[in-house]
Amino acid sequence: MFGAHVSPRDYLTRISEVQDQLDLSETEALADAVHRAYENGNFVFICGNGGSGSNASHLCEDLGKSSLTRDKFTDDSVKRLKVLSLTDNTPYILAWGNDEGFDRIFVEQLKNLASPGDVLIAISGSGNSPNILNAVEWSNRKGLETYGITGFTGGKLRVLAQNNVHIPCDDMGIVECLHLQLFHWVLDDLHGRINEVGRYAAKGELRKAA
């Protein structure tokens, strides 16, 4: 753990150094995929273990609620993003884990819920979690669009997933921190597109003028 050896300032400096190495076109592609799912009425599924599982839940909550402006919360005519974190159905996870093995906990949920054209965001710092790899492998075969969210070398997930967001760092805390930071940008970008604000405001103005 890098933070055990350095001050808070040095820790943040290291995060900044890693951040400068990122290929941000990967994050932009992820945002595009989430927006396409919204436009087409497809589901976005998210999964991860441990801290990555927490990030999966966090991203799901953000995309589900905060992609809309507050004035739209009670307007049932407004389209919403279909998004689900596979980390949060505890009885289902425990049933599959106990009876068939932990490696099946995500893929078996997808078999019940997923359809071609849906998006799977699979988060694994190491890129080698078997339950993540099983979910991605099945999703690739069944016509889902898959995104591997990784750190370290990216592991098997970086090869298996159709698309990636990779953090080139061998400290799990920094990897998970930067994953969440990028997820917040994806949320903000979706919010801008749906509500035609920020850099997407011109689109709304053109629509009004027409």
N, C-alpha and C. Protein backbone atom coordinates (compact mmCIF):
# COMPACT_ATOMS: atom_id res chain seq x y z
N MET A 1 0.84 -1.19 0.00
CA MET A 1 0.00 0.00 0.00
C MET A 1 0.88 1.25 0.00
N PHE A 2 0.78 2.00 -1.07
CA PHE A 2 1.66 3.15 -1.27
C PHE A 2 1.48 4.18 -0.16
N GLY A 3 0.22 4.39 0.28
CA GLY A 3 -0.04 5.41 1.29
C GLY A 3 0.60 5.13 2.64
N ALA A 4 0.98 3.87 2.89
CA ALA A 4 1.63 3.54 4.16
C ALA A 4 3.04 4.10 4.25
N HIS A 5 3.58 4.54 3.12
CA HIS A 5 4.98 4.97 3.07
C HIS A 5 5.16 6.46 2.82
N VAL A 6 4.07 7.17 2.51
CA VAL A 6 4.22 8.57 2.12
C VAL A 6 3.18 9.45 2.82
N SER A 7 3.38 10.74 2.71
CA SER A 7 2.45 11.71 3.28
C SER A 7 1.21 11.84 2.39
N PRO A 8 0.14 12.46 2.92
CA PRO A 8 -1.04 12.69 2.08
C PRO A 8 -0.71 13.47 0.81
N ARG A 9 0.16 14.46 0.91
CA ARG A 9 0.52 15.26 -0.26
C ARG A 9 1.20 14.39 -1.32
N ASP A 10 2.14 13.54 -0.89
CA ASP A 10 2.83 12.68 -1.85
C ASP A 10 1.87 11.65 -2.45
N TYR A 11 0.91 11.22 -1.65
CA TYR A 11 -0.09 10.27 -2.15
C TYR A 11 -0.91 10.91 -3.27
N LEU A 12 -1.36 12.13 -3.05
CA LEU A 12 -2.14 12.83 -4.07
C LEU A 12 -1.29 13.16 -5.29
N THR A 13 -0.01 13.43 -5.07
CA THR A 13 0.88 13.67 -6.20
C THR A 13 0.99 12.43 -7.07
N ARG A 14 1.07 11.25 -6.43
CA ARG A 14 1.15 10.01 -7.19
C ARG A 14 -0.13 9.77 -7.97
N ILE A 15 -1.28 10.07 -7.38
CA ILE A 15 -2.54 9.95 -8.10
C ILE A 15 -2.54 10.84 -9.33
N SER A 16 -2.05 12.06 -9.17
CA SER A 16 -1.98 12.99 -10.28
C SER A 16 -1.06 12.48 -11.39
N GLU A 17 0.05 11.86 -11.01
CA GLU A 17 0.98 11.32 -12.00
C GLU A 17 0.33 10.20 -12.80
N VAL A 18 -0.40 9.32 -12.12
CA VAL A 18 -1.09 8.23 -12.82
C VAL A 18 -2.19 8.80 -13.71
N GLN A 19 -2.89 9.77 -13.21
CA GLN A 19 -3.98 10.40 -13.96
C GLN A 19 -3.48 10.94 -15.29
N ASP A 20 -2.28 11.51 -15.28
CA ASP A 20 -1.73 12.09 -16.50
C ASP A 20 -1.38 11.04 -17.55
N GLN A 21 -1.32 9.77 -17.15
CA GLN A 21 -0.98 8.69 -18.08
C GLN A 21 -2.21 8.07 -18.75
N LEU A 22 -3.40 8.47 -18.33
CA LEU A 22 -4.61 7.80 -18.79
C LEU A 22 -4.94 8.13 -20.24
N ASP A 23 -5.48 7.13 -20.93
CA ASP A 23 -6.05 7.33 -22.26
C ASP A 23 -7.52 7.69 -22.08
N LEU A 24 -7.81 8.97 -22.07
CA LEU A 24 -9.16 9.41 -21.73
C LEU A 24 -10.17 9.15 -22.85
N SER A 25 -9.69 8.79 -24.03
CA SER A 25 -10.63 8.39 -25.08
C SER A 25 -11.39 7.13 -24.66
N GLU A 26 -10.78 6.30 -23.81
CA GLU A 26 -11.46 5.10 -23.29
C GLU A 26 -12.67 5.50 -22.46
N THR A 27 -12.50 6.52 -21.61
CA THR A 27 -13.61 6.98 -20.77
C THR A 27 -14.69 7.64 -21.62
N GLU A 28 -14.30 8.38 -22.63
CA GLU A 28 -15.28 8.99 -23.52
C GLU A 28 -16.09 7.92 -24.25
N ALA A 29 -15.43 6.83 -24.65
CA ALA A 29 -16.13 5.73 -25.31
C ALA A 29 -17.13 5.07 -24.37
N LEU A 30 -16.77 4.93 -23.09
CA LEU A 30 -17.68 4.37 -22.10
C LEU A 30 -18.90 5.27 -21.95
N ALA A 31 -18.68 6.58 -21.89
CA ALA A 31 -19.81 7.51 -21.79
C ALA A 31 -20.72 7.41 -23.01
N ASP A 32 -20.12 7.26 -24.18
CA ASP A 32 -20.91 7.10 -25.40
C ASP A 32 -21.78 5.84 -25.32
N ALA A 33 -21.20 4.75 -24.80
CA ALA A 33 -21.94 3.49 -24.70
C ALA A 33 -23.12 3.61 -23.74
N VAL A 34 -22.91 4.27 -22.62
CA VAL A 34 -23.99 4.46 -21.65
C VAL A 34 -25.10 5.31 -22.27
N HIS A 35 -24.72 6.34 -22.99
CA HIS A 35 -25.73 7.19 -23.62
C HIS A 35 -26.49 6.44 -24.71
N ARG A 36 -25.79 5.61 -25.49
CA ARG A 36 -26.48 4.80 -26.50
C ARG A 36 -27.50 3.87 -25.85
N ALA A 37 -27.11 3.28 -24.73
CA ALA A 37 -28.05 2.41 -24.01
C ALA A 37 -29.28 3.19 -23.58
N TYR A 38 -29.07 4.39 -23.09
CA TYR A 38 -30.20 5.25 -22.71
C TYR A 38 -31.10 5.54 -23.92
N GLU A 39 -30.49 5.93 -25.01
CA GLU A 39 -31.25 6.29 -26.21
C GLU A 39 -32.03 5.09 -26.76
N ASN A 40 -31.44 3.92 -26.70
CA ASN A 40 -32.04 2.73 -27.31
C ASN A 40 -32.89 1.91 -26.35
N GLY A 41 -32.95 2.33 -25.09
CA GLY A 41 -33.75 1.60 -24.11
C GLY A 41 -33.11 0.31 -23.64
N ASN A 42 -31.78 0.19 -23.77
CA ASN A 42 -31.08 -1.00 -23.30
C ASN A 42 -30.66 -0.84 -21.84
N PHE A 43 -30.38 -1.97 -21.20
CA PHE A 43 -29.90 -1.99 -19.83
C PHE A 43 -28.40 -1.76 -19.76
N VAL A 44 -27.96 -1.12 -18.71
CA VAL A 44 -26.54 -1.07 -18.33
C VAL A 44 -26.40 -1.88 -17.05
N PHE A 45 -25.62 -2.96 -17.11
CA PHE A 45 -25.33 -3.78 -15.94
C PHE A 45 -23.91 -3.48 -15.47
N ILE A 46 -23.71 -3.47 -14.15
CA ILE A 46 -22.41 -3.15 -13.57
C ILE A 46 -22.08 -4.21 -12.52
N CYS A 47 -20.83 -4.67 -12.49
CA CYS A 47 -20.45 -5.65 -11.47
C CYS A 47 -19.00 -5.46 -11.05
N GLY A 48 -18.70 -5.91 -9.84
CA GLY A 48 -17.35 -5.85 -9.29
C GLY A 48 -17.33 -6.50 -7.93
N ASN A 49 -16.14 -6.74 -7.40
CA ASN A 49 -15.96 -7.35 -6.08
C ASN A 49 -15.29 -6.35 -5.14
N GLY A 50 -15.60 -6.44 -3.85
CA GLY A 50 -14.92 -5.61 -2.87
C GLY A 50 -15.09 -4.13 -3.14
N GLY A 51 -13.97 -3.40 -3.17
CA GLY A 51 -14.03 -1.97 -3.46
C GLY A 51 -14.60 -1.70 -4.84
N SER A 52 -14.29 -2.59 -5.79
CA SER A 52 -14.86 -2.44 -7.13
C SER A 52 -16.37 -2.68 -7.10
N GLY A 53 -16.83 -3.55 -6.20
CA GLY A 53 -18.25 -3.75 -6.01
C GLY A 53 -18.92 -2.50 -5.46
N SER A 54 -18.24 -1.85 -4.53
CA SER A 54 -18.76 -0.58 -4.01
C SER A 54 -18.83 0.47 -5.11
N ASN A 55 -17.81 0.50 -5.95
CA ASN A 55 -17.84 1.44 -7.07
C ASN A 55 -18.96 1.10 -8.05
N ALA A 56 -19.24 -0.19 -8.23
CA ALA A 56 -20.35 -0.60 -9.09
C ALA A 56 -21.67 -0.08 -8.55
N SER A 57 -21.88 -0.24 -7.24
CA SER A 57 -23.11 0.24 -6.62
C SER A 57 -23.21 1.77 -6.71
N HIS A 58 -22.08 2.43 -6.48
CA HIS A 58 -22.03 3.89 -6.51
C HIS A 58 -22.37 4.40 -7.92
N LEU A 59 -21.75 3.80 -8.94
CA LEU A 59 -22.02 4.22 -10.30
C LEU A 59 -23.48 3.98 -10.67
N CYS A 60 -24.02 2.84 -10.25
CA CYS A 60 -25.42 2.53 -10.54
C CYS A 60 -26.35 3.56 -9.93
N GLU A 61 -26.12 3.88 -8.67
CA GLU A 61 -26.96 4.88 -7.99
C GLU A 61 -26.87 6.23 -8.68
N ASP A 62 -25.64 6.62 -9.03
CA ASP A 62 -25.46 7.92 -9.69
C ASP A 62 -26.18 7.97 -11.03
N LEU A 63 -25.96 6.96 -11.86
CA LEU A 63 -26.57 6.96 -13.19
C LEU A 63 -28.08 6.88 -13.12
N GLY A 64 -28.59 6.13 -12.16
CA GLY A 64 -30.03 5.96 -12.05
C GLY A 64 -30.75 7.20 -11.58
N LYS A 65 -30.16 7.93 -10.66
CA LYS A 65 -30.83 9.09 -10.07
C LYS A 65 -30.32 10.42 -10.62
N SER A 66 -29.02 10.60 -10.61
CA SER A 66 -28.46 11.93 -10.86
C SER A 66 -28.25 12.25 -12.33
N SER A 67 -28.66 11.35 -13.22
CA SER A 67 -28.63 11.69 -14.65
C SER A 67 -29.76 12.63 -15.01
N LEU A 68 -30.75 12.78 -14.13
CA LEU A 68 -31.88 13.68 -14.36
C LEU A 68 -31.78 14.92 -13.48
N THR A 69 -32.36 16.02 -13.94
CA THR A 69 -32.49 17.19 -13.09
C THR A 69 -33.67 16.99 -12.13
N ARG A 70 -33.63 17.68 -11.02
CA ARG A 70 -34.62 17.47 -9.97
C ARG A 70 -36.06 17.70 -10.45
N ASP A 71 -36.24 18.63 -11.36
CA ASP A 71 -37.60 18.93 -11.82
C ASP A 71 -38.22 17.78 -12.62
N LYS A 72 -37.38 16.81 -13.04
CA LYS A 72 -37.89 15.67 -13.81
C LYS A 72 -38.20 14.46 -12.94
N PHE A 73 -37.89 14.51 -11.66
CA PHE A 73 -38.05 13.33 -10.80
C PHE A 73 -39.49 12.81 -10.77
N THR A 74 -40.46 13.71 -10.80
CA THR A 74 -41.86 13.28 -10.70
C THR A 74 -42.58 13.29 -12.04
N ASP A 75 -41.82 13.48 -13.13
CA ASP A 75 -42.40 13.49 -14.47
C ASP A 75 -42.24 12.10 -15.08
N ASP A 76 -43.32 11.33 -15.06
CA ASP A 76 -43.25 9.95 -15.55
C ASP A 76 -43.13 9.85 -17.06
N SER A 77 -43.24 10.95 -17.76
CA SER A 77 -43.07 10.92 -19.21
C SER A 77 -41.61 10.97 -19.63
N VAL A 78 -40.73 11.30 -18.68
CA VAL A 78 -39.30 11.42 -18.98
C VAL A 78 -38.66 10.03 -19.00
N LYS A 79 -37.93 9.75 -20.06
CA LYS A 79 -37.23 8.47 -20.17
C LYS A 79 -36.09 8.41 -19.17
N ARG A 80 -35.89 7.23 -18.59
CA ARG A 80 -34.82 7.03 -17.62
C ARG A 80 -33.88 5.94 -18.09
N LEU A 81 -32.66 6.00 -17.60
CA LEU A 81 -31.68 4.97 -17.92
C LEU A 81 -31.99 3.69 -17.15
N LYS A 82 -32.01 2.58 -17.84
CA LYS A 82 -32.17 1.28 -17.19
C LYS A 82 -30.79 0.82 -16.73
N VAL A 83 -30.55 0.83 -15.44
CA VAL A 83 -29.23 0.51 -14.91
C VAL A 83 -29.37 -0.34 -13.66
N LEU A 84 -28.52 -1.35 -13.53
CA LEU A 84 -28.60 -2.28 -12.41
C LEU A 84 -27.21 -2.74 -12.01
N SER A 85 -26.91 -2.66 -10.71
CA SER A 85 -25.67 -3.21 -10.19
C SER A 85 -25.89 -4.66 -9.77
N LEU A 86 -25.14 -5.57 -10.35
CA LEU A 86 -25.28 -6.99 -10.03
C LEU A 86 -24.67 -7.35 -8.68
N THR A 87 -24.07 -6.40 -8.01
CA THR A 87 -23.46 -6.64 -6.70
C THR A 87 -24.47 -6.54 -5.56
N ASP A 88 -25.69 -6.09 -5.84
CA ASP A 88 -26.58 -5.67 -4.76
C ASP A 88 -27.74 -6.60 -4.46
N ASN A 89 -27.91 -7.67 -5.21
CA ASN A 89 -28.98 -8.63 -4.94
C ASN A 89 -28.42 -9.71 -4.01
N THR A 90 -28.33 -9.39 -2.73
CA THR A 90 -27.60 -10.23 -1.79
C THR A 90 -28.14 -11.67 -1.69
N PRO A 91 -29.45 -11.90 -1.53
CA PRO A 91 -29.91 -13.29 -1.45
C PRO A 91 -29.60 -14.10 -2.71
N TYR A 92 -29.74 -13.46 -3.86
CA TYR A 92 -29.43 -14.14 -5.12
C TYR A 92 -27.95 -14.51 -5.18
N ILE A 93 -27.10 -13.55 -4.82
CA ILE A 93 -25.66 -13.79 -4.81
C ILE A 93 -25.30 -14.92 -3.86
N LEU A 94 -25.88 -14.91 -2.67
CA LEU A 94 -25.56 -15.94 -1.67
C LEU A 94 -26.07 -17.31 -2.11
N ALA A 95 -27.22 -17.34 -2.76
CA ALA A 95 -27.74 -18.62 -3.23
C ALA A 95 -26.82 -19.25 -4.27
N TRP A 96 -26.43 -18.46 -5.27
CA TRP A 96 -25.54 -19.00 -6.30
C TRP A 96 -24.16 -19.31 -5.72
N GLY A 97 -23.66 -18.42 -4.85
CA GLY A 97 -22.34 -18.65 -4.26
C GLY A 97 -22.31 -19.90 -3.41
N ASN A 98 -23.34 -20.10 -2.62
CA ASN A 98 -23.39 -21.24 -1.72
C ASN A 98 -23.61 -22.55 -2.46
N ASP A 99 -24.52 -22.53 -3.45
CA ASP A 99 -24.92 -23.77 -4.10
C ASP A 99 -24.04 -24.16 -5.28
N GLU A 100 -23.56 -23.15 -6.03
CA GLU A 100 -22.85 -23.45 -7.28
C GLU A 100 -21.45 -22.86 -7.36
N GLY A 101 -21.12 -21.96 -6.45
CA GLY A 101 -19.79 -21.37 -6.46
C GLY A 101 -19.82 -19.88 -6.75
N PHE A 102 -18.90 -19.18 -6.13
CA PHE A 102 -18.82 -17.72 -6.23
C PHE A 102 -18.57 -17.26 -7.66
N ASP A 103 -17.96 -18.09 -8.46
CA ASP A 103 -17.64 -17.72 -9.84
C ASP A 103 -18.89 -17.49 -10.69
N ARG A 104 -20.07 -17.94 -10.21
CA ARG A 104 -21.30 -17.86 -11.00
C ARG A 104 -22.19 -16.68 -10.63
N ILE A 105 -21.83 -15.89 -9.62
CA ILE A 105 -22.79 -14.95 -9.04
C ILE A 105 -23.24 -13.84 -9.98
N PHE A 106 -22.41 -13.46 -10.93
CA PHE A 106 -22.79 -12.39 -11.86
C PHE A 106 -23.37 -12.93 -13.15
N VAL A 107 -22.74 -13.95 -13.70
CA VAL A 107 -23.21 -14.46 -14.99
C VAL A 107 -24.62 -15.04 -14.89
N GLU A 108 -24.95 -15.67 -13.77
CA GLU A 108 -26.29 -16.26 -13.65
C GLU A 108 -27.37 -15.19 -13.57
N GLN A 109 -27.06 -14.04 -12.98
CA GLN A 109 -28.02 -12.93 -13.00
C GLN A 109 -28.23 -12.42 -14.42
N LEU A 110 -27.14 -12.32 -15.17
CA LEU A 110 -27.25 -11.85 -16.54
C LEU A 110 -28.11 -12.78 -17.39
N LYS A 111 -28.02 -14.07 -17.13
CA LYS A 111 -28.81 -15.03 -17.90
C LYS A 111 -30.31 -14.77 -17.71
N ASN A 112 -30.70 -14.29 -16.56
CA ASN A 112 -32.11 -13.97 -16.30
C ASN A 112 -32.52 -12.62 -16.86
N LEU A 113 -31.58 -11.67 -16.95
CA LEU A 113 -31.95 -10.28 -17.16
C LEU A 113 -31.49 -9.66 -18.47
N ALA A 114 -30.38 -10.12 -19.01
CA ALA A 114 -29.74 -9.40 -20.11
C ALA A 114 -30.28 -9.77 -21.48
N SER A 115 -30.15 -8.82 -22.41
CA SER A 115 -30.56 -9.01 -23.80
C SER A 115 -29.48 -8.44 -24.72
N PRO A 116 -29.44 -8.89 -25.97
CA PRO A 116 -28.49 -8.31 -26.92
C PRO A 116 -28.64 -6.80 -27.00
N GLY A 117 -27.53 -6.10 -27.07
CA GLY A 117 -27.55 -4.64 -27.12
C GLY A 117 -27.37 -3.99 -25.77
N ASP A 118 -27.54 -4.75 -24.68
CA ASP A 118 -27.27 -4.22 -23.35
C ASP A 118 -25.77 -3.99 -23.17
N VAL A 119 -25.41 -3.28 -22.12
CA VAL A 119 -24.01 -2.96 -21.82
C VAL A 119 -23.64 -3.57 -20.49
N LEU A 120 -22.48 -4.20 -20.42
CA LEU A 120 -21.93 -4.70 -19.16
C LEU A 120 -20.65 -3.94 -18.84
N ILE A 121 -20.65 -3.28 -17.69
CA ILE A 121 -19.47 -2.61 -17.16
C ILE A 121 -18.90 -3.49 -16.06
N ALA A 122 -17.78 -4.15 -16.33
CA ALA A 122 -17.19 -5.13 -15.41
C ALA A 122 -15.93 -4.55 -14.80
N ILE A 123 -15.95 -4.39 -13.48
CA ILE A 123 -14.86 -3.70 -12.79
C ILE A 123 -14.00 -4.71 -12.03
N SER A 124 -12.72 -4.74 -12.33
CA SER A 124 -11.79 -5.61 -11.60
C SER A 124 -10.40 -4.98 -11.62
N GLY A 125 -9.93 -4.56 -10.46
CA GLY A 125 -8.62 -3.93 -10.39
C GLY A 125 -7.53 -4.80 -10.98
N SER A 126 -7.53 -6.07 -10.62
CA SER A 126 -6.52 -7.00 -11.12
C SER A 126 -6.81 -7.46 -12.54
N GLY A 127 -8.10 -7.46 -12.90
CA GLY A 127 -8.51 -7.98 -14.20
C GLY A 127 -8.57 -9.49 -14.25
N ASN A 128 -8.48 -10.15 -13.11
CA ASN A 128 -8.42 -11.61 -13.10
C ASN A 128 -9.47 -12.28 -12.22
N SER A 129 -10.50 -11.56 -11.81
CA SER A 129 -11.53 -12.15 -10.97
C SER A 129 -12.38 -13.12 -11.79
N PRO A 130 -12.45 -14.40 -11.41
CA PRO A 130 -13.18 -15.38 -12.23
C PRO A 130 -14.65 -15.03 -12.44
N ASN A 131 -15.33 -14.50 -11.42
CA ASN A 131 -16.74 -14.19 -11.60
C ASN A 131 -16.96 -13.04 -12.60
N ILE A 132 -16.01 -12.13 -12.66
CA ILE A 132 -16.05 -11.05 -13.64
C ILE A 132 -15.80 -11.60 -15.04
N LEU A 133 -14.78 -12.44 -15.17
CA LEU A 133 -14.44 -13.00 -16.47
C LEU A 133 -15.56 -13.86 -17.02
N ASN A 134 -16.21 -14.64 -16.17
CA ASN A 134 -17.35 -15.45 -16.61
C ASN A 134 -18.48 -14.57 -17.16
N ALA A 135 -18.75 -13.48 -16.47
CA ALA A 135 -19.83 -12.59 -16.89
C ALA A 135 -19.50 -11.95 -18.24
N VAL A 136 -18.25 -11.55 -18.43
CA VAL A 136 -17.86 -10.89 -19.68
C VAL A 136 -17.85 -11.89 -20.83
N GLU A 137 -17.32 -13.07 -20.58
CA GLU A 137 -17.27 -14.09 -21.63
C GLU A 137 -18.68 -14.42 -22.13
N TRP A 138 -19.62 -14.62 -21.21
CA TRP A 138 -21.01 -14.92 -21.59
C TRP A 138 -21.62 -13.73 -22.34
N SER A 139 -21.38 -12.53 -21.84
CA SER A 139 -21.95 -11.34 -22.46
C SER A 139 -21.43 -11.13 -23.87
N ASN A 140 -20.16 -11.41 -24.09
CA ASN A 140 -19.60 -11.30 -25.44
C ASN A 140 -20.33 -12.24 -26.40
N ARG A 141 -20.63 -13.45 -25.93
CA ARG A 141 -21.28 -14.44 -26.78
C ARG A 141 -22.75 -14.10 -27.05
N LYS A 142 -23.36 -13.35 -26.13
CA LYS A 142 -24.79 -13.10 -26.22
C LYS A 142 -25.14 -11.72 -26.76
N GLY A 143 -24.17 -11.02 -27.31
CA GLY A 143 -24.47 -9.77 -27.99
C GLY A 143 -24.51 -8.53 -27.13
N LEU A 144 -23.95 -8.60 -25.92
CA LEU A 144 -23.84 -7.40 -25.10
C LEU A 144 -22.57 -6.64 -25.48
N GLU A 145 -22.53 -5.36 -25.18
CA GLU A 145 -21.32 -4.56 -25.34
C GLU A 145 -20.59 -4.56 -24.00
N THR A 146 -19.36 -5.01 -23.97
CA THR A 146 -18.65 -5.21 -22.71
C THR A 146 -17.51 -4.21 -22.52
N TYR A 147 -17.42 -3.72 -21.29
CA TYR A 147 -16.35 -2.79 -20.90
C TYR A 147 -15.63 -3.36 -19.68
N GLY A 148 -14.32 -3.54 -19.80
CA GLY A 148 -13.50 -3.95 -18.68
C GLY A 148 -12.87 -2.73 -18.03
N ILE A 149 -13.08 -2.57 -16.74
CA ILE A 149 -12.54 -1.43 -15.99
C ILE A 149 -11.43 -1.99 -15.10
N THR A 150 -10.17 -1.69 -15.41
CA THR A 150 -9.05 -2.41 -14.82
C THR A 150 -7.97 -1.50 -14.26
N GLY A 151 -7.02 -2.13 -13.56
CA GLY A 151 -5.80 -1.50 -13.11
C GLY A 151 -4.64 -2.46 -13.32
N PHE A 152 -3.52 -2.21 -12.62
CA PHE A 152 -2.35 -3.07 -12.73
C PHE A 152 -2.00 -3.29 -14.21
N THR A 153 -1.87 -4.54 -14.66
CA THR A 153 -1.61 -4.80 -16.08
C THR A 153 -2.90 -4.95 -16.88
N GLY A 154 -4.01 -5.00 -16.20
CA GLY A 154 -5.30 -5.24 -16.86
C GLY A 154 -5.71 -6.69 -16.84
N GLY A 155 -4.75 -7.59 -16.62
CA GLY A 155 -5.04 -9.01 -16.50
C GLY A 155 -5.79 -9.57 -17.69
N LYS A 156 -6.51 -10.65 -17.45
CA LYS A 156 -7.27 -11.32 -18.52
C LYS A 156 -8.44 -10.48 -19.00
N LEU A 157 -8.99 -9.66 -18.11
CA LEU A 157 -10.16 -8.86 -18.47
C LEU A 157 -9.84 -7.86 -19.57
N ARG A 158 -8.66 -7.29 -19.54
CA ARG A 158 -8.31 -6.30 -20.55
C ARG A 158 -8.26 -6.91 -21.95
N VAL A 159 -7.99 -8.20 -22.02
CA VAL A 159 -7.99 -8.90 -23.30
C VAL A 159 -9.38 -9.38 -23.68
N LEU A 160 -10.12 -9.86 -22.68
CA LEU A 160 -11.43 -10.46 -22.94
C LEU A 160 -12.50 -9.44 -23.27
N ALA A 161 -12.52 -8.31 -22.56
CA ALA A 161 -13.55 -7.29 -22.78
C ALA A 161 -13.39 -6.66 -24.16
N GLN A 162 -14.51 -6.28 -24.75
CA GLN A 162 -14.47 -5.64 -26.07
C GLN A 162 -13.86 -4.24 -25.99
N ASN A 163 -14.04 -3.58 -24.85
CA ASN A 163 -13.55 -2.22 -24.65
C ASN A 163 -13.00 -2.11 -23.23
N ASN A 164 -12.16 -1.12 -22.99
CA ASN A 164 -11.51 -1.01 -21.69
C ASN A 164 -11.42 0.43 -21.22
N VAL A 165 -11.38 0.57 -19.89
CA VAL A 165 -10.90 1.78 -19.23
C VAL A 165 -9.82 1.30 -18.27
N HIS A 166 -8.58 1.62 -18.58
CA HIS A 166 -7.45 1.03 -17.85
C HIS A 166 -6.69 2.09 -17.07
N ILE A 167 -6.39 1.76 -15.80
CA ILE A 167 -5.56 2.60 -14.93
C ILE A 167 -4.20 1.93 -14.78
N PRO A 168 -3.13 2.46 -15.37
CA PRO A 168 -1.82 1.82 -15.33
C PRO A 168 -1.10 2.06 -14.01
N CYS A 169 -1.56 1.38 -12.96
CA CYS A 169 -1.01 1.57 -11.62
C CYS A 169 -1.13 0.27 -10.84
N ASP A 170 -0.13 -0.01 -10.00
CA ASP A 170 -0.14 -1.27 -9.24
C ASP A 170 -0.52 -1.08 -7.78
N ASP A 171 -1.24 -0.01 -7.48
CA ASP A 171 -1.78 0.21 -6.14
C ASP A 171 -3.30 0.19 -6.22
N MET A 172 -3.94 -0.76 -5.54
CA MET A 172 -5.38 -0.95 -5.68
C MET A 172 -6.17 0.28 -5.23
N GLY A 173 -5.73 0.93 -4.16
CA GLY A 173 -6.44 2.10 -3.68
C GLY A 173 -6.48 3.21 -4.72
N ILE A 174 -5.35 3.46 -5.36
CA ILE A 174 -5.29 4.49 -6.39
C ILE A 174 -6.12 4.09 -7.60
N VAL A 175 -6.06 2.81 -7.96
CA VAL A 175 -6.85 2.32 -9.09
C VAL A 175 -8.33 2.55 -8.83
N GLU A 176 -8.82 2.14 -7.66
CA GLU A 176 -10.24 2.30 -7.36
C GLU A 176 -10.64 3.76 -7.25
N CYS A 177 -9.73 4.59 -6.73
CA CYS A 177 -9.99 6.02 -6.63
C CYS A 177 -10.20 6.63 -8.01
N LEU A 178 -9.31 6.30 -8.94
CA LEU A 178 -9.41 6.87 -10.27
C LEU A 178 -10.58 6.28 -11.06
N HIS A 179 -10.92 5.02 -10.82
CA HIS A 179 -12.13 4.47 -11.43
C HIS A 179 -13.32 5.33 -11.06
N LEU A 180 -13.47 5.60 -9.78
CA LEU A 180 -14.64 6.36 -9.32
C LEU A 180 -14.61 7.79 -9.85
N GLN A 181 -13.43 8.36 -9.93
CA GLN A 181 -13.31 9.71 -10.47
C GLN A 181 -13.79 9.76 -11.92
N LEU A 182 -13.39 8.78 -12.71
CA LEU A 182 -13.83 8.73 -14.11
C LEU A 182 -15.32 8.43 -14.21
N PHE A 183 -15.83 7.58 -13.32
CA PHE A 183 -17.26 7.29 -13.32
C PHE A 183 -18.08 8.56 -13.06
N HIS A 184 -17.57 9.42 -12.20
CA HIS A 184 -18.29 10.67 -11.94
C HIS A 184 -18.33 11.54 -13.19
N TRP A 185 -17.27 11.51 -13.98
CA TRP A 185 -17.32 12.27 -15.24
C TRP A 185 -18.34 11.65 -16.20
N VAL A 186 -18.38 10.32 -16.28
CA VAL A 186 -19.36 9.65 -17.14
C VAL A 186 -20.78 10.07 -16.73
N LEU A 187 -21.04 10.10 -15.43
CA LEU A 187 -22.33 10.57 -14.94
C LEU A 187 -22.61 11.99 -15.40
N ASP A 188 -21.65 12.88 -15.18
CA ASP A 188 -21.84 14.29 -15.55
C ASP A 188 -22.10 14.43 -17.05
N ASP A 189 -21.38 13.65 -17.84
CA ASP A 189 -21.55 13.71 -19.29
C ASP A 189 -22.95 13.25 -19.69
N LEU A 190 -23.42 12.15 -19.09
CA LEU A 190 -24.77 11.67 -19.38
C LEU A 190 -25.81 12.70 -18.95
N HIS A 191 -25.61 13.29 -17.78
CA HIS A 191 -26.52 14.33 -17.30
C HIS A 191 -26.59 15.48 -18.30
N GLY A 192 -25.43 15.89 -18.80
CA GLY A 192 -25.41 16.98 -19.77
C GLY A 192 -26.15 16.64 -21.04
N ARG A 193 -25.98 15.40 -21.52
CA ARG A 193 -26.64 14.99 -22.76
C ARG A 193 -28.16 14.90 -22.59
N ILE A 194 -28.59 14.26 -21.50
CA ILE A 194 -30.02 14.05 -21.30
C ILE A 194 -30.75 15.38 -21.09
N ASN A 195 -30.13 16.25 -20.31
CA ASN A 195 -30.80 17.50 -19.93
C ASN A 195 -30.39 18.69 -20.79
N GLU A 196 -29.49 18.44 -21.76
CA GLU A 196 -29.03 19.47 -22.69
C GLU A 196 -28.52 20.70 -21.95
N VAL A 197 -27.56 20.45 -21.06
CA VAL A 197 -26.92 21.52 -20.30
C VAL A 197 -25.41 21.41 -20.49
N GLY A 198 -24.70 22.42 -19.97
CA GLY A 198 -23.25 22.40 -20.09
C GLY A 198 -22.83 22.47 -21.56
N ARG A 199 -21.88 21.64 -21.97
CA ARG A 199 -21.40 21.69 -23.35
C ARG A 199 -22.43 21.16 -24.35
N TYR A 200 -23.53 20.57 -23.83
CA TYR A 200 -24.60 20.09 -24.70
C TYR A 200 -25.77 21.07 -24.79
N ALA A 201 -25.62 22.23 -24.17
CA ALA A 201 -26.72 23.21 -24.16
C ALA A 201 -27.05 23.69 -25.56
N ALA A 202 -26.04 23.81 -26.41
CA ALA A 202 -26.26 24.31 -27.77
C ALA A 202 -27.22 23.41 -28.53
N LYS A 203 -27.19 22.11 -28.25
CA LYS A 203 -28.10 21.18 -28.91
C LYS A 203 -29.55 21.54 -28.58
N GLY A 204 -29.79 21.84 -27.31
CA GLY A 204 -31.14 22.21 -26.91
C GLY A 204 -31.58 23.54 -27.52
N GLU A 205 -30.65 24.49 -27.62
CA GLU A 205 -30.98 25.79 -28.21
C GLU A 205 -31.31 25.64 -29.69
N LEU A 206 -30.55 24.78 -30.40
CA LEU A 206 -30.83 24.55 -31.82
C LEU A 206 -32.20 23.90 -32.01
N ARG A 207 -32.55 22.98 -31.08
CA ARG A 207 -33.85 22.33 -31.17
C ARG A 207 -34.99 23.34 -31.00
N LYS A 208 -34.81 24.27 -30.06
CA LYS A 208 -35.83 25.29 -29.82
C LYS A 208 -35.98 26.21 -31.01
N ALA A 209 -34.83 26.55 -31.62
CA ALA A 209 -34.86 27.47 -32.76
C ALA A 209 -35.55 26.84 -33.96
N ALA A 210 -35.40 25.53 -34.11
CA ALA A 210 -36.02 24.83 -35.23
C ALA A 210 -37.52 24.75 -35.05
